[in-house]
C-alpha atoms as a PDB file:
ATOM      1  CA  MET A   1     -91.418  -7.576 -10.259  1.00  0.00           C
ATOM      2  CA  ASN A   2     -90.523 -10.951  -8.776  1.00  0.00           C
ATOM      3  CA  ALA A   3     -89.019 -13.645 -10.962  1.00  0.00           C
ATOM      4  CA  ASP A   4     -91.126 -16.584 -12.111  1.00  0.00           C
ATOM      5  CA  LEU A   5     -90.729 -19.693  -9.984  1.00  0.00           C
ATOM      6  CA  ILE A   6     -91.611 -21.934 -12.926  1.00  0.00           C
ATOM      7  CA  SER A   7     -89.802 -21.101 -16.153  1.00  0.00           C
ATOM      8  CA  LYS A   8     -91.503 -20.582 -19.495  1.00  0.00           C
ATOM      9  CA  ARG A   9     -89.510 -23.536 -20.864  1.00  0.00           C
ATOM     10  CA  THR A  10     -91.084 -25.836 -18.267  1.00  0.00           C
ATOM     11  CA  ARG A  11     -94.569 -24.418 -18.805  1.00  0.00           C
ATOM     12  CA  ASN A  12     -94.287 -24.964 -22.540  1.00  0.00           C
ATOM     13  CA  ALA A  13     -93.079 -28.545 -22.048  1.00  0.00           C
ATOM     14  CA  PHE A  14     -96.142 -29.375 -19.951  1.00  0.00           C
ATOM     15  CA  ARG A  15     -98.402 -27.554 -22.385  1.00  0.00           C
ATOM     16  CA  GLU A  16     -97.177 -29.762 -25.225  1.00  0.00           C
ATOM     17  CA  ILE A  17     -97.944 -32.898 -23.209  1.00  0.00           C
ATOM     18  CA  LEU A  18    -101.424 -31.589 -22.426  1.00  0.00           C
ATOM     19  CA  VAL A  19    -102.079 -31.285 -26.160  1.00  0.00           C
ATOM     20  CA  GLY A  20    -102.679 -35.043 -25.994  1.00  0.00           C
ATOM     21  CA  TRP A  21    -105.488 -34.591 -23.441  1.00  0.00           C
ATOM     22  CA  THR A  22    -109.069 -33.637 -24.208  1.00  0.00           C
ATOM     23  CA  LEU A  23    -110.263 -30.092 -23.543  1.00  0.00           C
ATOM     24  CA  ALA A  24    -112.509 -31.434 -20.808  1.00  0.00           C
ATOM     25  CA  GLU A  25    -109.614 -33.267 -19.118  1.00  0.00           C
ATOM     26  CA  ILE A  26    -107.409 -30.183 -19.237  1.00  0.00           C
ATOM     27  CA  THR A  27    -110.107 -27.903 -17.861  1.00  0.00           C
ATOM     28  CA  THR A  28    -111.090 -30.348 -15.118  1.00  0.00           C
ATOM     29  CA  GLU A  29    -107.513 -30.885 -13.922  1.00  0.00           C
ATOM     30  CA  PHE A  30    -106.862 -27.148 -13.569  1.00  0.00           C
ATOM     31  CA  ASP A  31    -110.314 -26.570 -12.097  1.00  0.00           C
ATOM     32  CA  ASN A  32    -109.510 -29.143  -9.399  1.00  0.00           C
ATOM     33  CA  GLU A  33    -106.833 -26.720  -8.164  1.00  0.00           C
ATOM     34  CA  GLY A  34    -109.002 -23.618  -8.428  1.00  0.00           C
ATOM     35  CA  PHE A  35    -107.796 -22.324 -11.808  1.00  0.00           C
ATOM     36  CA  SER A  36    -110.173 -21.061 -14.494  1.00  0.00           C
ATOM     37  CA  ALA A  37    -109.374 -20.058 -18.060  1.00  0.00           C
ATOM     38  CA  ASP A  38    -109.324 -16.465 -19.256  1.00  0.00           C
ATOM     39  CA  LEU A  39    -111.446 -17.062 -22.348  1.00  0.00           C
ATOM     40  CA  ASP A  40    -110.915 -13.475 -23.529  1.00  0.00           C
ATOM     41  CA  HIS A  41    -107.173 -14.084 -23.814  1.00  0.00           C
ATOM     42  CA  ALA A  42    -106.076 -14.796 -27.390  1.00  0.00           C
ATOM     43  CA  PRO A  43    -102.581 -16.356 -27.294  1.00  0.00           C
ATOM     44  CA  SER A  44    -100.488 -16.681 -30.452  1.00  0.00           C
ATOM     45  CA  VAL A  45    -100.447 -20.491 -30.478  1.00  0.00           C
ATOM     46  CA  ASP A  46    -102.031 -23.083 -32.731  1.00  0.00           C
ATOM     47  CA  GLY A  47    -104.792 -25.479 -31.729  1.00  0.00           C
ATOM     48  CA  GLN A  48    -107.645 -25.488 -29.246  1.00  0.00           C
ATOM     49  CA  ARG A  49    -105.750 -27.384 -26.547  1.00  0.00           C
ATOM     50  CA  ARG A  50    -102.671 -25.159 -26.635  1.00  0.00           C
ATOM     51  CA  THR A  51    -104.958 -22.145 -26.572  1.00  0.00           C
ATOM     52  CA  ARG A  52    -106.852 -23.491 -23.554  1.00  0.00           C
ATOM     53  CA  VAL A  53    -103.658 -24.164 -21.602  1.00  0.00           C
ATOM     54  CA  GLU A  54    -102.396 -20.646 -22.341  1.00  0.00           C
ATOM     55  CA  GLN A  55    -105.753 -19.205 -21.265  1.00  0.00           C
ATOM     56  CA  LEU A  56    -105.405 -21.108 -18.006  1.00  0.00           C
ATOM     57  CA  TYR A  57    -101.787 -19.978 -17.591  1.00  0.00           C
ATOM     58  CA  HIS A  58    -102.864 -16.376 -18.166  1.00  0.00           C
ATOM     59  CA  ARG A  59    -104.561 -16.231 -14.773  1.00  0.00           C
ATOM     60  CA  ILE A  60    -101.653 -17.759 -12.870  1.00  0.00           C
ATOM     61  CA  ASP A  61     -99.052 -15.603 -11.133  1.00  0.00           C
ATOM     62  CA  PHE A  62     -95.916 -17.695 -11.636  1.00  0.00           C
ATOM     63  CA  SER A  63     -94.005 -15.615  -9.087  1.00  0.00           C
ATOM     64  CA  ASP A  64     -96.544 -16.340  -6.314  1.00  0.00           C
ATOM     65  CA  PRO A  65     -95.647 -19.492  -4.319  1.00  0.00           C
ATOM     66  CA  ARG A  66     -99.324 -20.041  -3.525  1.00  0.00           C
ATOM     67  CA  HIS A  67    -100.298 -20.151  -7.206  1.00  0.00           C
ATOM     68  CA  VAL A  68     -97.263 -22.229  -8.093  1.00  0.00           C
ATOM     69  CA  SER A  69     -97.977 -24.720  -5.319  1.00  0.00           C
ATOM     70  CA  ARG A  70    -101.412 -25.372  -6.837  1.00  0.00           C
ATOM     71  CA  LEU A  71     -99.973 -25.543 -10.354  1.00  0.00           C
ATOM     72  CA  LEU A  72     -97.500 -28.178  -9.189  1.00  0.00           C
ATOM     73  CA  GLU A  73    -100.450 -30.325  -8.116  1.00  0.00           C
ATOM     74  CA  VAL A  74    -101.606 -30.203 -11.742  1.00  0.00           C
ATOM     75  CA  TYR A  75     -98.104 -30.972 -12.991  1.00  0.00           C
ATOM     76  CA  GLN A  76     -97.762 -33.903 -10.610  1.00  0.00           C
ATOM     77  CA  THR A  77    -100.868 -35.483 -12.113  1.00  0.00           C
ATOM     78  CA  VAL A  78     -99.549 -34.826 -15.626  1.00  0.00           C
ATOM     79  CA  VAL A  79     -96.248 -36.532 -14.791  1.00  0.00           C
ATOM     80  CA  ALA A  80     -98.006 -39.538 -13.198  1.00  0.00           C
ATOM     81  CA  THR A  81    -100.341 -39.922 -16.188  1.00  0.00           C
ATOM     82  CA  THR A  82     -97.489 -39.576 -18.678  1.00  0.00           C
ATOM     83  CA  ARG A  83     -95.398 -42.160 -16.824  1.00  0.00           C
ATOM     84  CA  ASN A  84     -98.115 -44.763 -17.512  1.00  0.00           C
ATOM     85  CA  TYR A  85     -97.399 -44.723 -21.233  1.00  0.00           C
ATOM     86  CA  ASN A  86     -93.972 -43.099 -21.685  1.00  0.00           C
ATOM     87  CA  SER A  87     -91.498 -43.106 -18.810  1.00  0.00           C
ATOM     88  CA  GLU A  88     -88.832 -41.234 -20.795  1.00  0.00           C
ATOM     89  CA  THR A  89     -91.176 -38.319 -21.491  1.00  0.00           C
ATOM     90  CA  ALA A  90     -92.220 -38.266 -17.833  1.00  0.00           C
ATOM     91  CA  GLN A  91     -88.571 -38.078 -16.838  1.00  0.00           C
ATOM     92  CA  THR A  92     -88.031 -35.205 -19.262  1.00  0.00           C
ATOM     93  CA  LEU A  93     -90.838 -33.292 -17.530  1.00  0.00           C
ATOM     94  CA  LEU A  94     -89.225 -33.999 -14.153  1.00  0.00           C
ATOM     95  CA  ASP A  95     -85.879 -32.778 -15.486  1.00  0.00           C
ATOM     96  CA  HIS A  96     -87.518 -29.471 -16.435  1.00  0.00           C
ATOM     97  CA  LEU A  97     -88.958 -29.139 -12.934  1.00  0.00           C
ATOM     98  CA  HIS A  98     -85.630 -30.013 -11.321  1.00  0.00           C
ATOM     99  CA  ARG A  99     -83.923 -27.314 -13.385  1.00  0.00           C
ATOM    100  CA  ASP A 100     -86.382 -24.834 -11.885  1.00  0.00           C
ATOM    101  CA  GLY A 101     -85.517 -26.049  -8.401  1.00  0.00           C
ATOM    102  CA  VAL A 102     -88.721 -28.016  -7.748  1.00  0.00           C
ATOM    103  CA  ASP A 103     -88.376 -30.853  -5.232  1.00  0.00           C
ATOM    104  CA  THR A 104     -90.186 -33.910  -6.614  1.00  0.00           C
ATOM    105  CA  SER A 105     -88.798 -36.455  -4.135  1.00  0.00           C
ATOM    106  CA  GLY A 106     -91.711 -36.484  -1.695  1.00  0.00           C
ATOM    107  CA  THR A 107     -95.386 -37.298  -1.920  1.00  0.00           C
ATOM    108  CA  SER A 108     -96.071 -33.871  -3.442  1.00  0.00           C
ATOM    109  CA  PHE A 109     -94.013 -31.500  -5.566  1.00  0.00           C
ATOM    110  CA  LYS A 110     -92.578 -28.593  -3.559  1.00  0.00           C
ATOM    111  CA  VAL A 111     -92.380 -24.955  -4.637  1.00  0.00           C
ATOM    112  CA  PRO A 112     -88.791 -23.891  -5.373  1.00  0.00           C
ATOM    113  CA  LEU A 113     -87.464 -21.527  -2.718  1.00  0.00           C
ATOM    114  CA  ARG A 114     -85.873 -18.395  -4.121  1.00  0.00           C
ATOM    115  CA  GLY A 115     -83.979 -16.604  -1.390  1.00  0.00           C
ATOM    116  CA  HIS A 116     -84.674 -12.960  -0.697  1.00  0.00           C
ATOM    117  CA  SER A 117     -82.159 -11.206  -2.956  1.00  0.00           C
ATOM    118  CA  SER A 118     -80.717  -9.017  -0.181  1.00  0.00           C
ATOM    119  CA  LEU A 119     -79.932 -12.101   1.920  1.00  0.00           C
ATOM    120  CA  GLN A 120     -77.803 -13.839  -0.701  1.00  0.00           C
ATOM    121  CA  PRO A 121     -74.565 -11.880  -0.096  1.00  0.00           C
ATOM    122  CA  LEU A 122     -75.164 -12.106   3.643  1.00  0.00           C
ATOM    123  CA  GLY A 123     -75.260 -15.891   3.350  1.00  0.00           C
ATOM    124  CA  ALA A 124     -71.779 -15.843   1.843  1.00  0.00           C
ATOM    125  CA  VAL A 125     -70.526 -13.675   4.708  1.00  0.00           C
ATOM    126  CA  ALA A 126     -72.038 -16.085   7.230  1.00  0.00           C
ATOM    127  CA  LYS A 127     -69.937 -18.873   5.752  1.00  0.00           C
ATOM    128  CA  ILE A 128     -66.767 -16.789   5.989  1.00  0.00           C
ATOM    129  CA  PHE A 129     -67.404 -16.082   9.667  1.00  0.00           C
ATOM    130  CA  THR A 130     -68.603 -19.678  10.227  1.00  0.00           C
ATOM    131  CA  ALA A 131     -71.701 -18.130  11.787  1.00  0.00           C
ATOM    132  CA  ASP A 132     -73.966 -21.202  11.771  1.00  0.00           C
ATOM    133  CA  GLN A 133     -76.723 -19.416  13.668  1.00  0.00           C
ATOM    134  CA  LEU A 134     -76.802 -16.692  11.022  1.00  0.00           C
ATOM    135  CA  GLN A 135     -77.113 -19.288   8.249  1.00  0.00           C
ATOM    136  CA  THR A 136     -79.994 -20.937  10.097  1.00  0.00           C
ATOM    137  CA  GLN A 137     -81.772 -17.592  10.425  1.00  0.00           C
ATOM    138  CA  ILE A 138     -81.306 -16.815   6.719  1.00  0.00           C
ATOM    139  CA  ALA A 139     -82.795 -20.190   5.773  1.00  0.00           C
ATOM    140  CA  ARG A 140     -85.729 -19.632   8.147  1.00  0.00           C
ATOM    141  CA  ILE A 141     -86.432 -16.192   6.695  1.00  0.00           C
ATOM    142  CA  ASN A 142     -86.326 -17.462   3.110  1.00  0.00           C
ATOM    143  CA  ALA A 143     -88.762 -20.238   3.981  1.00  0.00           C
ATOM    144  CA  SER A 144     -91.254 -18.015   5.828  1.00  0.00           C
ATOM    145  CA  ILE A 145     -91.490 -14.626   4.070  1.00  0.00           C
ATOM    146  CA  GLU A 146     -94.505 -15.702   2.012  1.00  0.00           C
ATOM    147  CA  THR A 147     -96.029 -18.316   4.319  1.00  0.00           C
ATOM    148  CA  ASP A 148     -95.393 -16.906   7.810  1.00  0.00           C
ATOM    149  CA  PRO A 149     -94.502 -13.180   7.668  1.00  0.00           C
ATOM    150  CA  ALA A 150     -94.557 -12.820  11.466  1.00  0.00           C
ATOM    151  CA  LEU A 151     -91.875 -15.508  11.780  1.00  0.00           C
ATOM    152  CA  ALA A 152     -89.772 -13.842   9.075  1.00  0.00           C
ATOM    153  CA  ILE A 153     -90.001 -10.474  10.862  1.00  0.00           C
ATOM    154  CA  GLY A 154     -89.057 -11.951  14.212  1.00  0.00           C
ATOM    155  CA  THR A 155     -86.149 -13.795  12.656  1.00  0.00           C
ATOM    156  CA  ALA A 156     -84.966 -10.632  10.866  1.00  0.00           C
ATOM    157  CA  LYS A 157     -84.708  -8.973  14.274  1.00  0.00           C
ATOM    158  CA  GLU A 158     -82.728 -11.964  15.588  1.00  0.00           C
ATOM    159  CA  LEU A 159     -80.473 -11.799  12.524  1.00  0.00           C
ATOM    160  CA  VAL A 160     -79.412  -8.227  13.360  1.00  0.00           C
ATOM    161  CA  GLU A 161     -78.829  -9.207  16.983  1.00  0.00           C
ATOM    162  CA  THR A 162     -76.695 -12.182  15.914  1.00  0.00           C
ATOM    163  CA  THR A 163     -74.718  -9.989  13.511  1.00  0.00           C
ATOM    164  CA  CYS A 164     -73.922  -7.441  16.209  1.00  0.00           C
ATOM    165  CA  LYS A 165     -72.989 -10.092  18.772  1.00  0.00           C
ATOM    166  CA  THR A 166     -70.772 -11.907  16.242  1.00  0.00           C
ATOM    167  CA  ILE A 167     -68.857  -8.725  15.420  1.00  0.00           C
ATOM    168  CA  LEU A 168     -68.551  -7.617  19.058  1.00  0.00           C
ATOM    169  CA  ALA A 169     -67.288 -11.072  20.061  1.00  0.00           C
ATOM    170  CA  ASP A 170     -64.788 -10.971  17.199  1.00  0.00           C
ATOM    171  CA  LEU A 171     -63.538  -7.611  18.515  1.00  0.00           C
ATOM    172  CA  GLY A 172     -63.355  -8.884  22.090  1.00  0.00           C
ATOM    173  CA  GLU A 173     -66.120  -6.517  23.178  1.00  0.00           C
ATOM    174  CA  ALA A 174     -68.664  -7.550  25.824  1.00  0.00           C
ATOM    175  CA  HIS A 175     -72.303  -7.270  24.807  1.00  0.00           C
ATOM    176  CA  GLY A 176     -74.199  -8.757  27.769  1.00  0.00           C
ATOM    177  CA  SER A 177     -77.971  -8.761  27.378  1.00  0.00           C
ATOM    178  CA  LEU A 178     -78.396  -5.564  25.370  1.00  0.00           C
ATOM    179  CA  ASP A 179     -81.584  -4.976  23.392  1.00  0.00           C
ATOM    180  CA  LEU A 180     -81.483  -4.458  19.626  1.00  0.00           C
ATOM    181  CA  GLY A 181     -81.055  -0.679  19.719  1.00  0.00           C
ATOM    182  CA  ASP A 182     -78.215  -0.821  22.225  1.00  0.00           C
ATOM    183  CA  LEU A 183     -76.554  -3.679  20.304  1.00  0.00           C
ATOM    184  CA  VAL A 184     -76.520  -1.626  17.108  1.00  0.00           C
ATOM    185  CA  LYS A 185     -75.192   1.380  19.050  1.00  0.00           C
ATOM    186  CA  ALA A 186     -72.435  -0.689  20.676  1.00  0.00           C
ATOM    187  CA  THR A 187     -71.441  -2.248  17.353  1.00  0.00           C
ATOM    188  CA  THR A 188     -71.242   1.058  15.494  1.00  0.00           C
ATOM    189  CA  LYS A 189     -69.194   2.463  18.364  1.00  0.00           C
ATOM    190  CA  ALA A 190     -66.773  -0.465  18.197  1.00  0.00           C
ATOM    191  CA  LEU A 191     -66.357  -0.103  14.423  1.00  0.00           C
ATOM    192  CA  LYS A 192     -64.641   2.897  12.907  1.00  0.00           C
ATOM    193  CA  LEU A 193     -67.240   3.739  10.287  1.00  0.00           C
ATOM    194  CA  VAL A 194     -65.254   6.017   7.975  1.00  0.00           C
ATOM    195  CA  PRO A 195     -61.595   5.825   6.867  1.00  0.00           C
ATOM    196  CA  ASP A 196     -58.965   7.940   8.562  1.00  0.00           C
ATOM    197  CA  GLY A 197     -58.249  11.329   7.024  1.00  0.00           C
ATOM    198  CA  VAL A 198     -61.681  11.868   5.469  1.00  0.00           C
ATOM    199  CA  PRO A 199     -62.738  15.541   5.715  1.00  0.00           C
ATOM    200  CA  ASN A 200     -65.423  16.098   8.346  1.00  0.00           C
ATOM    201  CA  GLU A 201     -64.754  12.587   9.593  1.00  0.00           C
ATOM    202  CA  ALA A 202     -66.798  13.022  12.763  1.00  0.00           C
ATOM    203  CA  LYS A 203     -69.813  14.429  10.915  1.00  0.00           C
ATOM    204  CA  GLY A 204     -69.602  11.656   8.342  1.00  0.00           C
ATOM    205  CA  ALA A 205     -69.492   8.967  11.017  1.00  0.00           C
ATOM    206  CA  GLU A 206     -72.463  10.488  12.813  1.00  0.00           C
ATOM    207  CA  ALA A 207     -74.510  10.565   9.602  1.00  0.00           C
ATOM    208  CA  ILE A 208     -73.798   6.877   9.024  1.00  0.00           C
ATOM    209  CA  LYS A 209     -74.694   6.066  12.623  1.00  0.00           C
ATOM    210  CA  LYS A 210     -78.043   7.818  12.225  1.00  0.00           C
ATOM    211  CA  THR A 211     -78.769   5.787   9.108  1.00  0.00           C
ATOM    212  CA  LEU A 212     -77.855   2.527  10.817  1.00  0.00           C
ATOM    213  CA  ARG A 213     -79.924   3.380  13.878  1.00  0.00           C
ATOM    214  CA  SER A 214     -82.870   4.085  11.576  1.00  0.00           C
ATOM    215  CA  LEU A 215     -82.516   0.666   9.938  1.00  0.00           C
ATOM    216  CA  GLY A 216     -82.314  -0.951  13.356  1.00  0.00           C
ATOM    217  CA  ALA A 217     -85.374   0.989  14.499  1.00  0.00           C
ATOM    218  CA  THR A 218     -87.318  -0.208  11.439  1.00  0.00           C
ATOM    219  CA  VAL A 219     -86.551  -3.829  12.251  1.00  0.00           C
ATOM    220  CA  ALA A 220     -87.320  -3.354  15.948  1.00  0.00           C
ATOM    221  CA  GLY A 221     -90.554  -1.484  15.183  1.00  0.00           C
ATOM    222  CA  LEU A 222     -91.832  -4.262  12.924  1.00  0.00           C
ATOM    223  CA  GLY A 223     -90.859  -6.766  15.590  1.00  0.00           C
ATOM    224  CA  GLU A 224     -93.008  -4.869  18.086  1.00  0.00           C
ATOM    225  CA  MET A 225     -95.884  -4.714  15.585  1.00  0.00           C
ATOM    226  CA  ARG A 226     -95.669  -8.480  15.253  1.00  0.00           C
ATOM    227  CA  ASN A 227     -96.610  -8.777  18.933  1.00  0.00           C
ATOM    228  CA  PHE A 228     -99.817  -6.790  18.364  1.00  0.00           C
ATOM    229  CA  TYR A 229    -100.782  -9.027  15.442  1.00  0.00           C
ATOM    230  CA  GLY A 230     -99.749 -12.260  17.125  1.00  0.00           C
ATOM    231  CA  SER A 231    -101.987 -15.274  17.638  1.00  0.00           C
ATOM    232  CA  GLY A 232    -102.344 -14.875  21.397  1.00  0.00           C
ATOM    233  CA  HIS A 233    -104.810 -13.004  23.616  1.00  0.00           C
ATOM    234  CA  GLY A 234    -107.969 -14.259  21.846  1.00  0.00           C
ATOM    235  CA  GLN A 235    -107.944 -11.712  19.038  1.00  0.00           C
ATOM    236  CA  ASP A 236    -110.970 -10.553  17.059  1.00  0.00           C
ATOM    237  CA  GLY A 237    -111.794 -13.184  14.448  1.00  0.00           C
ATOM    238  CA  ARG A 238    -111.581 -10.500  11.760  1.00  0.00           C
ATOM    239  CA  ALA A 239    -108.079  -9.406  12.762  1.00  0.00           C
ATOM    240  CA  ARG A 240    -105.501  -9.524   9.983  1.00  0.00           C
ATOM    241  CA  GLY A 241    -101.855 -10.252  10.533  1.00  0.00           C
ATOM    242  CA  LEU A 242     -98.730  -8.768   9.030  1.00  0.00           C
ATOM    243  CA  THR A 243     -98.283  -9.563   5.348  1.00  0.00           C
ATOM    244  CA  PRO A 244     -95.325 -10.613   3.169  1.00  0.00           C
ATOM    245  CA  ARG A 245     -94.742  -6.959   2.231  1.00  0.00           C
ATOM    246  CA  HIS A 246     -94.144  -6.119   5.899  1.00  0.00           C
ATOM    247  CA  ALA A 247     -91.771  -9.084   6.109  1.00  0.00           C
ATOM    248  CA  ARG A 248     -89.859  -7.927   3.022  1.00  0.00           C
ATOM    249  CA  LEU A 249     -89.457  -4.467   4.588  1.00  0.00           C
ATOM    250  CA  ALA A 250     -88.067  -5.951   7.807  1.00  0.00           C
ATOM    251  CA  VAL A 251     -85.795  -8.372   5.954  1.00  0.00           C
ATOM    252  CA  GLY A 252     -84.554  -5.662   3.596  1.00  0.00           C
ATOM    253  CA  ALA A 253     -83.677  -3.334   6.475  1.00  0.00           C
ATOM    254  CA  ALA A 254     -82.101  -6.117   8.539  1.00  0.00           C
ATOM    255  CA  SER A 255     -79.977  -7.501   5.710  1.00  0.00           C
ATOM    256  CA  THR A 256     -78.801  -4.028   4.621  1.00  0.00           C
ATOM    257  CA  LEU A 257     -77.788  -3.185   8.185  1.00  0.00           C
ATOM    258  CA  ALA A 258     -76.107  -6.550   8.797  1.00  0.00           C
ATOM    259  CA  MET A 259     -74.210  -6.499   5.521  1.00  0.00           C
ATOM    260  CA  PHE A 260     -72.877  -2.984   6.113  1.00  0.00           C
ATOM    261  CA  LEU A 261     -71.684  -3.887   9.594  1.00  0.00           C
ATOM    262  CA  PHE A 262     -69.960  -7.053   8.368  1.00  0.00           C
ATOM    263  CA  GLU A 263     -68.337  -5.240   5.438  1.00  0.00           C
ATOM    264  CA  THR A 264     -67.114  -2.465   7.735  1.00  0.00           C
ATOM    265  CA  HIS A 265     -65.740  -5.062  10.138  1.00  0.00           C
ATOM    266  CA  HIS A 266     -63.932  -6.766   7.251  1.00  0.00           C
ATOM    267  CA  ALA A 267     -62.595  -3.450   5.938  1.00  0.00           C
ATOM    268  CA  ARG A 268     -61.047  -2.831   9.348  1.00  0.00           C
ATOM    269  CA  GLY A 269     -58.893  -5.911   8.826  1.00  0.00           C
ATOM    270  CA  SER A 270     -60.600  -8.056  11.454  1.00  0.00           C
END
């Protein structure tokens, strides 16, 4: 289960401000953003207004950026209304949002970006290797998994390619214009994948190579699928594109492969 993008502390803070609104005002503001109350939900809170807010919250997926984006429209109105009579309280609400990572500096509040968990350690490695291109790709993936899965998948493929080329360049190996599969093969060949002296060393290395090739093939396969679901060629109006779950599969495979290659490279003392 994904983590909530808006914390319970923040939700409760806004709920307590909404206690000062009428039931009609509360319902209308949420309805403006497409939210309706679950009237069958019986929360353990006191008062009609608190109950109504919790019934509205009950139908919101706080881990879904699309739901949270609409909720932030509600919260932005609450902050603006509160500022008219109590600027300190409005600032307290903003402080709660800032703690959750919400950007309130623009004309609309922005959903906090939580990076794909498997990319976080890879980001640290990118800094060590001063691989700016890799950092750019990680940021692009994090920003597009939910909103543009095809872009995230394509970038995941580029991330593996960049990883292989970075390691090969570090080892003084030429990589030319190899495709993804050949890049992974060349990189695994350049890296000694198991320590010296391990029993059945050759068999162990081959098993690892098969696993890495499979991860690379997963990323490449999803990249090829992206072309079939692309926006070109006047597709059927009912055609559906790749979804965030496909993007998470590609990103998971790409980051696992990239991290293993980088860690192996580091373990070799390079």
